[in-house]
Amino acid sequence: MPAPDFADWLAITELKARYCRLLDTKDWDGWAALFTPDFLLDATGSGGPRIEGRDAAVASVRHSLETVKTVHHVHMPELTLSGDAATGIWPMQDHLVWADGRTMTGYGHYHDRYIRIDGAWRIAQSRLTRLHIAMQSPPPSA
C-alpha cells in the first residue's frame, strides 16, 4: 500500500486542531465551516444525541456549551487516506467547567470521516466514544 500524501495527513491534523481551538473559543461560525453541510454528529456512544446536518449539530453543541469553559485535546491520530476521503481515530480528553463550579473530565476517542471538497478537507462525520468520565460537584458554599 502506498504511503499517504503527507500534505493531506498534515491538512487533516490541522483541521482537527482548529476543531478544538474554535470549539473552545466559541467561534461558532468558524467551527461550522469545518464541517460538510450533511455532517453527522454521533455522541450516542457517550450518552449524547445523534444529530444530522451541520446547522443542527452546531446549534446543539452551542446550546450545550455556550456558557461552559471547555478545553479539548486530541492526540496522535490513526489516519487512513484514500483519494478525496479519509478516516481517523483520535484519542481525546476534554475538560468542562460550569459556572456553578461543576467539572467534568472525559477521556475517549473521536472516530471521524473526512471528505476533500474543492481542495479543502472537511469533517463529514464524527462519532464520540468515551472510556471514562470524571465528574466533580461544585465546592461547598462557605
N, C-alpha and C. Protein backbone atom coordinates (compact mmCIF):
# COMPACT_ATOMS: atom_id res chain seq x y z
N MET A 1 0.85 -1.18 0.00
CA MET A 1 0.00 0.00 0.00
C MET A 1 0.90 1.24 0.00
N PRO A 2 0.64 2.19 -0.91
CA PRO A 2 1.49 3.38 -0.98
C PRO A 2 1.29 4.27 0.25
N ALA A 3 2.33 4.97 0.62
CA ALA A 3 2.24 5.89 1.75
C ALA A 3 1.32 7.05 1.40
N PRO A 4 0.51 7.51 2.36
CA PRO A 4 -0.37 8.65 2.07
C PRO A 4 0.44 9.92 1.86
N ASP A 5 -0.15 10.83 1.15
CA ASP A 5 0.47 12.12 0.91
C ASP A 5 0.58 12.85 2.25
N PHE A 6 1.79 13.22 2.64
CA PHE A 6 1.99 13.88 3.93
C PHE A 6 1.23 15.20 4.00
N ALA A 7 1.10 15.90 2.89
CA ALA A 7 0.37 17.17 2.89
C ALA A 7 -1.09 16.94 3.29
N ASP A 8 -1.70 15.86 2.83
CA ASP A 8 -3.08 15.55 3.22
C ASP A 8 -3.15 15.18 4.70
N TRP A 9 -2.20 14.38 5.14
CA TRP A 9 -2.16 13.98 6.55
C TRP A 9 -2.05 15.23 7.43
N LEU A 10 -1.16 16.13 7.06
CA LEU A 10 -0.97 17.36 7.82
C LEU A 10 -2.23 18.23 7.77
N ALA A 11 -2.86 18.34 6.62
CA ALA A 11 -4.07 19.16 6.49
C ALA A 11 -5.19 18.64 7.39
N ILE A 12 -5.33 17.33 7.49
CA ILE A 12 -6.38 16.76 8.35
C ILE A 12 -6.04 16.97 9.82
N THR A 13 -4.78 16.85 10.20
CA THR A 13 -4.42 17.09 11.59
C THR A 13 -4.62 18.57 11.96
N GLU A 14 -4.34 19.47 11.03
CA GLU A 14 -4.59 20.89 11.28
C GLU A 14 -6.10 21.17 11.37
N LEU A 15 -6.89 20.48 10.57
CA LEU A 15 -8.34 20.62 10.63
C LEU A 15 -8.85 20.24 12.03
N LYS A 16 -8.36 19.13 12.56
CA LYS A 16 -8.80 18.70 13.89
C LYS A 16 -8.28 19.63 14.97
N ALA A 17 -7.10 20.18 14.80
CA ALA A 17 -6.60 21.17 15.76
C ALA A 17 -7.50 22.40 15.77
N ARG A 18 -7.91 22.87 14.58
CA ARG A 18 -8.85 24.01 14.51
C ARG A 18 -10.18 23.65 15.16
N TYR A 19 -10.63 22.42 14.97
CA TYR A 19 -11.86 21.95 15.61
C TYR A 19 -11.80 22.23 17.12
N CYS A 20 -10.71 21.82 17.76
CA CYS A 20 -10.57 22.01 19.21
C CYS A 20 -10.50 23.50 19.57
N ARG A 21 -9.66 24.24 18.86
CA ARG A 21 -9.47 25.66 19.19
C ARG A 21 -10.75 26.47 19.00
N LEU A 22 -11.42 26.27 17.86
CA LEU A 22 -12.62 27.05 17.58
C LEU A 22 -13.77 26.68 18.50
N LEU A 23 -13.86 25.40 18.88
CA LEU A 23 -14.88 24.99 19.84
C LEU A 23 -14.62 25.62 21.20
N ASP A 24 -13.38 25.57 21.66
CA ASP A 24 -13.07 26.10 22.98
C ASP A 24 -13.15 27.62 23.06
N THR A 25 -12.93 28.31 21.94
CA THR A 25 -13.03 29.77 21.92
C THR A 25 -14.43 30.24 21.54
N LYS A 26 -15.33 29.28 21.28
CA LYS A 26 -16.74 29.56 20.96
C LYS A 26 -16.88 30.37 19.67
N ASP A 27 -16.01 30.10 18.71
CA ASP A 27 -16.10 30.71 17.37
C ASP A 27 -17.02 29.82 16.54
N TRP A 28 -18.32 30.01 16.71
CA TRP A 28 -19.31 29.09 16.13
C TRP A 28 -19.32 29.13 14.61
N ASP A 29 -19.15 30.30 14.00
CA ASP A 29 -19.11 30.37 12.54
C ASP A 29 -17.87 29.66 12.00
N GLY A 30 -16.73 29.91 12.62
CA GLY A 30 -15.51 29.25 12.21
C GLY A 30 -15.59 27.75 12.40
N TRP A 31 -16.18 27.32 13.53
CA TRP A 31 -16.32 25.89 13.82
C TRP A 31 -17.24 25.24 12.79
N ALA A 32 -18.35 25.89 12.47
CA ALA A 32 -19.29 25.34 11.48
C ALA A 32 -18.63 25.15 10.12
N ALA A 33 -17.71 26.03 9.76
CA ALA A 33 -17.06 25.96 8.46
C ALA A 33 -16.17 24.73 8.31
N LEU A 34 -15.89 24.02 9.39
CA LEU A 34 -15.06 22.82 9.33
C LEU A 34 -15.82 21.60 8.83
N PHE A 35 -17.15 21.68 8.78
CA PHE A 35 -17.98 20.51 8.50
C PHE A 35 -18.62 20.58 7.12
N THR A 36 -18.98 19.42 6.59
CA THR A 36 -19.78 19.36 5.38
C THR A 36 -21.22 19.73 5.74
N PRO A 37 -22.02 20.21 4.78
CA PRO A 37 -23.41 20.56 5.10
C PRO A 37 -24.21 19.38 5.67
N ASP A 38 -23.91 18.17 5.22
CA ASP A 38 -24.64 16.99 5.69
C ASP A 38 -23.92 16.29 6.85
N PHE A 39 -23.10 17.02 7.57
CA PHE A 39 -22.34 16.49 8.70
C PHE A 39 -23.22 15.67 9.63
N LEU A 40 -22.67 14.56 10.14
CA LEU A 40 -23.35 13.72 11.11
C LEU A 40 -22.55 13.69 12.39
N LEU A 41 -23.17 14.11 13.49
CA LEU A 41 -22.56 14.07 14.82
C LEU A 41 -23.22 12.94 15.59
N ASP A 42 -22.42 11.97 16.03
CA ASP A 42 -22.97 10.83 16.76
C ASP A 42 -22.27 10.72 18.10
N ALA A 43 -22.97 11.14 19.15
CA ALA A 43 -22.42 11.05 20.50
C ALA A 43 -23.17 10.00 21.31
N THR A 44 -23.90 9.10 20.64
CA THR A 44 -24.68 8.09 21.36
C THR A 44 -23.79 7.16 22.17
N GLY A 45 -22.56 6.95 21.73
CA GLY A 45 -21.64 6.09 22.46
C GLY A 45 -21.15 6.70 23.75
N SER A 46 -21.50 7.96 23.99
CA SER A 46 -21.10 8.62 25.24
C SER A 46 -22.32 9.24 25.94
N GLY A 47 -23.51 8.74 25.58
CA GLY A 47 -24.72 9.22 26.24
C GLY A 47 -25.34 10.45 25.62
N GLY A 48 -24.83 10.89 24.49
CA GLY A 48 -25.35 12.09 23.83
C GLY A 48 -26.25 11.75 22.67
N PRO A 49 -26.60 12.75 21.88
CA PRO A 49 -27.52 12.56 20.75
C PRO A 49 -26.82 12.18 19.46
N ARG A 50 -27.62 11.80 18.50
CA ARG A 50 -27.17 11.62 17.10
C ARG A 50 -27.86 12.73 16.32
N ILE A 51 -27.08 13.61 15.68
CA ILE A 51 -27.64 14.79 15.03
C ILE A 51 -27.19 14.82 13.58
N GLU A 52 -28.14 14.96 12.68
CA GLU A 52 -27.85 15.03 11.25
C GLU A 52 -27.91 16.47 10.78
N GLY A 53 -26.90 16.88 10.03
CA GLY A 53 -26.85 18.22 9.47
C GLY A 53 -25.95 19.15 10.26
N ARG A 54 -25.09 19.87 9.55
CA ARG A 54 -24.14 20.79 10.19
C ARG A 54 -24.85 21.83 11.04
N ASP A 55 -25.88 22.47 10.51
CA ASP A 55 -26.53 23.55 11.25
C ASP A 55 -27.15 23.04 12.55
N ALA A 56 -27.80 21.88 12.48
CA ALA A 56 -28.43 21.31 13.68
C ALA A 56 -27.37 20.89 14.70
N ALA A 57 -26.27 20.31 14.23
CA ALA A 57 -25.21 19.87 15.14
C ALA A 57 -24.55 21.07 15.82
N VAL A 58 -24.23 22.09 15.06
CA VAL A 58 -23.59 23.28 15.64
C VAL A 58 -24.54 23.95 16.63
N ALA A 59 -25.81 24.05 16.29
CA ALA A 59 -26.79 24.67 17.21
C ALA A 59 -26.90 23.88 18.51
N SER A 60 -26.89 22.56 18.42
CA SER A 60 -27.00 21.73 19.62
C SER A 60 -25.77 21.87 20.51
N VAL A 61 -24.59 21.80 19.91
CA VAL A 61 -23.35 21.93 20.69
C VAL A 61 -23.26 23.33 21.28
N ARG A 62 -23.63 24.32 20.50
CA ARG A 62 -23.60 25.70 21.00
C ARG A 62 -24.53 25.86 22.20
N HIS A 63 -25.72 25.32 22.11
CA HIS A 63 -26.68 25.40 23.21
C HIS A 63 -26.11 24.73 24.48
N SER A 64 -25.43 23.61 24.29
CA SER A 64 -24.89 22.86 25.43
C SER A 64 -23.66 23.52 26.05
N LEU A 65 -22.83 24.17 25.23
CA LEU A 65 -21.52 24.61 25.72
C LEU A 65 -21.29 26.12 25.71
N GLU A 66 -22.25 26.89 25.27
CA GLU A 66 -22.06 28.35 25.12
C GLU A 66 -21.49 28.99 26.39
N THR A 67 -21.99 28.61 27.56
CA THR A 67 -21.56 29.25 28.80
C THR A 67 -20.60 28.38 29.61
N VAL A 68 -20.16 27.28 29.04
CA VAL A 68 -19.26 26.36 29.73
C VAL A 68 -17.83 26.61 29.27
N LYS A 69 -16.90 26.69 30.21
CA LYS A 69 -15.48 26.77 29.83
C LYS A 69 -15.04 25.37 29.44
N THR A 70 -14.45 25.25 28.25
CA THR A 70 -14.04 23.94 27.77
C THR A 70 -12.59 23.96 27.31
N VAL A 71 -11.96 22.80 27.44
CA VAL A 71 -10.63 22.57 26.90
C VAL A 71 -10.67 21.19 26.25
N HIS A 72 -10.45 21.14 24.95
CA HIS A 72 -10.43 19.88 24.21
C HIS A 72 -9.02 19.61 23.72
N HIS A 73 -8.55 18.39 23.95
CA HIS A 73 -7.25 17.95 23.45
C HIS A 73 -7.44 16.69 22.64
N VAL A 74 -6.76 16.62 21.51
CA VAL A 74 -6.69 15.37 20.75
C VAL A 74 -5.21 15.02 20.61
N HIS A 75 -4.97 13.73 20.45
CA HIS A 75 -3.60 13.24 20.44
C HIS A 75 -3.33 12.50 19.13
N MET A 76 -2.23 11.84 19.03
CA MET A 76 -1.78 11.21 17.79
C MET A 76 -2.89 10.39 17.12
N PRO A 77 -3.25 10.78 15.89
CA PRO A 77 -4.35 10.09 15.20
C PRO A 77 -3.87 8.85 14.44
N GLU A 78 -4.82 7.98 14.23
CA GLU A 78 -4.66 6.90 13.27
C GLU A 78 -5.46 7.33 12.04
N LEU A 79 -4.78 7.77 10.98
CA LEU A 79 -5.46 8.27 9.78
C LEU A 79 -5.29 7.29 8.64
N THR A 80 -6.37 7.10 7.90
CA THR A 80 -6.36 6.30 6.68
C THR A 80 -6.88 7.19 5.57
N LEU A 81 -6.05 7.42 4.55
CA LEU A 81 -6.42 8.30 3.45
C LEU A 81 -6.59 7.49 2.17
N SER A 82 -7.60 7.88 1.40
CA SER A 82 -7.87 7.22 0.12
C SER A 82 -8.45 8.25 -0.84
N GLY A 83 -7.58 8.89 -1.62
CA GLY A 83 -8.05 9.90 -2.56
C GLY A 83 -8.61 11.10 -1.84
N ASP A 84 -9.89 11.39 -2.11
CA ASP A 84 -10.56 12.55 -1.50
C ASP A 84 -11.38 12.18 -0.27
N ALA A 85 -11.09 11.03 0.32
CA ALA A 85 -11.78 10.59 1.54
C ALA A 85 -10.73 10.09 2.54
N ALA A 86 -11.09 10.18 3.80
CA ALA A 86 -10.19 9.72 4.84
C ALA A 86 -11.00 9.39 6.09
N THR A 87 -10.42 8.57 6.95
CA THR A 87 -10.98 8.30 8.26
C THR A 87 -9.90 8.50 9.29
N GLY A 88 -10.31 8.77 10.51
CA GLY A 88 -9.34 8.97 11.58
C GLY A 88 -9.92 8.60 12.92
N ILE A 89 -9.06 8.08 13.78
CA ILE A 89 -9.41 7.83 15.18
C ILE A 89 -8.44 8.65 16.01
N TRP A 90 -9.00 9.49 16.87
CA TRP A 90 -8.21 10.41 17.68
C TRP A 90 -8.43 10.12 19.17
N PRO A 91 -7.41 9.75 19.91
CA PRO A 91 -7.56 9.75 21.36
C PRO A 91 -7.84 11.18 21.82
N MET A 92 -8.76 11.33 22.77
CA MET A 92 -9.16 12.68 23.17
C MET A 92 -9.33 12.78 24.68
N GLN A 93 -9.25 14.03 25.14
CA GLN A 93 -9.56 14.39 26.51
C GLN A 93 -10.25 15.74 26.46
N ASP A 94 -11.32 15.88 27.23
CA ASP A 94 -11.95 17.20 27.34
C ASP A 94 -12.20 17.50 28.81
N HIS A 95 -12.18 18.79 29.11
CA HIS A 95 -12.41 19.26 30.47
C HIS A 95 -13.43 20.39 30.38
N LEU A 96 -14.52 20.27 31.13
CA LEU A 96 -15.59 21.26 31.12
C LEU A 96 -15.79 21.81 32.52
N VAL A 97 -16.00 23.13 32.60
CA VAL A 97 -16.23 23.79 33.88
C VAL A 97 -17.49 24.65 33.74
N TRP A 98 -18.51 24.34 34.54
CA TRP A 98 -19.75 25.11 34.53
C TRP A 98 -19.65 26.26 35.52
N ALA A 99 -20.50 27.26 35.36
CA ALA A 99 -20.47 28.46 36.20
C ALA A 99 -20.68 28.14 37.68
N ASP A 100 -21.42 27.07 37.97
CA ASP A 100 -21.67 26.71 39.38
C ASP A 100 -20.52 25.94 40.01
N GLY A 101 -19.44 25.70 39.24
CA GLY A 101 -18.27 25.02 39.78
C GLY A 101 -18.19 23.53 39.48
N ARG A 102 -19.24 22.96 38.90
CA ARG A 102 -19.16 21.55 38.50
C ARG A 102 -18.11 21.40 37.42
N THR A 103 -17.43 20.27 37.42
CA THR A 103 -16.47 19.99 36.36
C THR A 103 -16.65 18.57 35.85
N MET A 104 -16.22 18.38 34.63
CA MET A 104 -16.20 17.06 34.02
C MET A 104 -14.91 16.93 33.21
N THR A 105 -14.24 15.82 33.39
CA THR A 105 -13.10 15.49 32.54
C THR A 105 -13.41 14.16 31.88
N GLY A 106 -13.35 14.16 30.56
CA GLY A 106 -13.69 12.95 29.81
C GLY A 106 -12.50 12.46 29.00
N TYR A 107 -12.49 11.16 28.81
CA TYR A 107 -11.43 10.51 28.05
C TYR A 107 -12.07 9.55 27.06
N GLY A 108 -11.60 9.54 25.84
CA GLY A 108 -12.18 8.62 24.87
C GLY A 108 -11.55 8.80 23.50
N HIS A 109 -12.40 8.65 22.47
CA HIS A 109 -11.93 8.72 21.09
C HIS A 109 -12.95 9.41 20.19
N TYR A 110 -12.44 10.18 19.27
CA TYR A 110 -13.24 10.64 18.13
C TYR A 110 -12.97 9.67 16.98
N HIS A 111 -14.03 9.25 16.33
CA HIS A 111 -13.94 8.43 15.11
C HIS A 111 -14.52 9.29 14.00
N ASP A 112 -13.67 9.82 13.14
CA ASP A 112 -14.08 10.81 12.14
C ASP A 112 -13.98 10.28 10.73
N ARG A 113 -14.81 10.88 9.87
CA ARG A 113 -14.72 10.65 8.42
C ARG A 113 -14.57 12.01 7.78
N TYR A 114 -13.65 12.10 6.83
CA TYR A 114 -13.32 13.37 6.17
C TYR A 114 -13.54 13.25 4.67
N ILE A 115 -13.88 14.38 4.06
CA ILE A 115 -14.03 14.46 2.61
C ILE A 115 -13.33 15.74 2.15
N ARG A 116 -12.61 15.63 1.03
CA ARG A 116 -11.99 16.81 0.44
C ARG A 116 -12.99 17.42 -0.53
N ILE A 117 -13.31 18.69 -0.32
CA ILE A 117 -14.26 19.42 -1.17
C ILE A 117 -13.56 20.67 -1.68
N ASP A 118 -13.50 20.82 -2.99
CA ASP A 118 -12.84 21.98 -3.61
C ASP A 118 -11.44 22.20 -3.04
N GLY A 119 -10.71 21.10 -2.83
CA GLY A 119 -9.33 21.18 -2.38
C GLY A 119 -9.14 21.31 -0.88
N ALA A 120 -10.23 21.40 -0.11
CA ALA A 120 -10.12 21.56 1.35
C ALA A 120 -10.77 20.38 2.06
N TRP A 121 -10.11 19.88 3.08
CA TRP A 121 -10.67 18.79 3.87
C TRP A 121 -11.74 19.31 4.81
N ARG A 122 -12.83 18.56 4.93
CA ARG A 122 -13.93 18.90 5.84
C ARG A 122 -14.31 17.64 6.62
N ILE A 123 -14.87 17.84 7.80
CA ILE A 123 -15.33 16.72 8.62
C ILE A 123 -16.75 16.39 8.17
N ALA A 124 -16.96 15.16 7.72
CA ALA A 124 -18.28 14.72 7.26
C ALA A 124 -19.03 13.96 8.35
N GLN A 125 -18.30 13.36 9.26
CA GLN A 125 -18.93 12.58 10.32
C GLN A 125 -17.99 12.51 11.50
N SER A 126 -18.55 12.60 12.71
CA SER A 126 -17.76 12.45 13.92
C SER A 126 -18.56 11.67 14.94
N ARG A 127 -17.96 10.59 15.44
CA ARG A 127 -18.58 9.77 16.48
C ARG A 127 -17.68 9.82 17.70
N LEU A 128 -18.25 10.21 18.84
CA LEU A 128 -17.51 10.32 20.09
C LEU A 128 -17.83 9.11 20.95
N THR A 129 -16.78 8.42 21.39
CA THR A 129 -16.95 7.33 22.36
C THR A 129 -16.13 7.69 23.59
N ARG A 130 -16.64 7.32 24.73
CA ARG A 130 -15.97 7.65 25.99
C ARG A 130 -15.51 6.38 26.68
N LEU A 131 -14.33 6.44 27.25
CA LEU A 131 -13.80 5.35 28.06
C LEU A 131 -14.01 5.62 29.55
N HIS A 132 -13.98 6.91 29.91
CA HIS A 132 -14.11 7.27 31.32
C HIS A 132 -14.55 8.73 31.41
N ILE A 133 -15.39 9.02 32.39
CA ILE A 133 -15.79 10.39 32.69
C ILE A 133 -15.63 10.60 34.19
N ALA A 134 -14.96 11.67 34.57
CA ALA A 134 -14.79 12.04 35.98
C ALA A 134 -15.57 13.32 36.22
N MET A 135 -16.62 13.23 37.04
CA MET A 135 -17.44 14.38 37.39
C MET A 135 -17.06 14.85 38.79
N GLN A 136 -17.09 16.15 38.97
CA GLN A 136 -16.83 16.71 40.30
C GLN A 136 -17.92 17.73 40.61
N SER A 137 -18.50 17.59 41.78
CA SER A 137 -19.54 18.53 42.22
C SER A 137 -18.92 19.86 42.57
N PRO A 138 -19.75 20.91 42.59
CA PRO A 138 -19.21 22.22 42.96
C PRO A 138 -18.73 22.19 44.42
N PRO A 139 -17.75 23.01 44.73
CA PRO A 139 -17.29 23.06 46.13
C PRO A 139 -18.41 23.60 47.03
N PRO A 140 -18.45 23.16 48.29
CA PRO A 140 -19.50 23.65 49.20
C PRO A 140 -19.37 25.16 49.42
N SER A 141 -20.51 25.79 49.61
CA SER A 141 -20.51 27.24 49.88
C SER A 141 -19.95 27.51 51.26
N ALA A 142 -19.26 28.63 51.37
CA ALA A 142 -18.65 28.97 52.68
C ALA A 142 -19.64 29.69 53.54
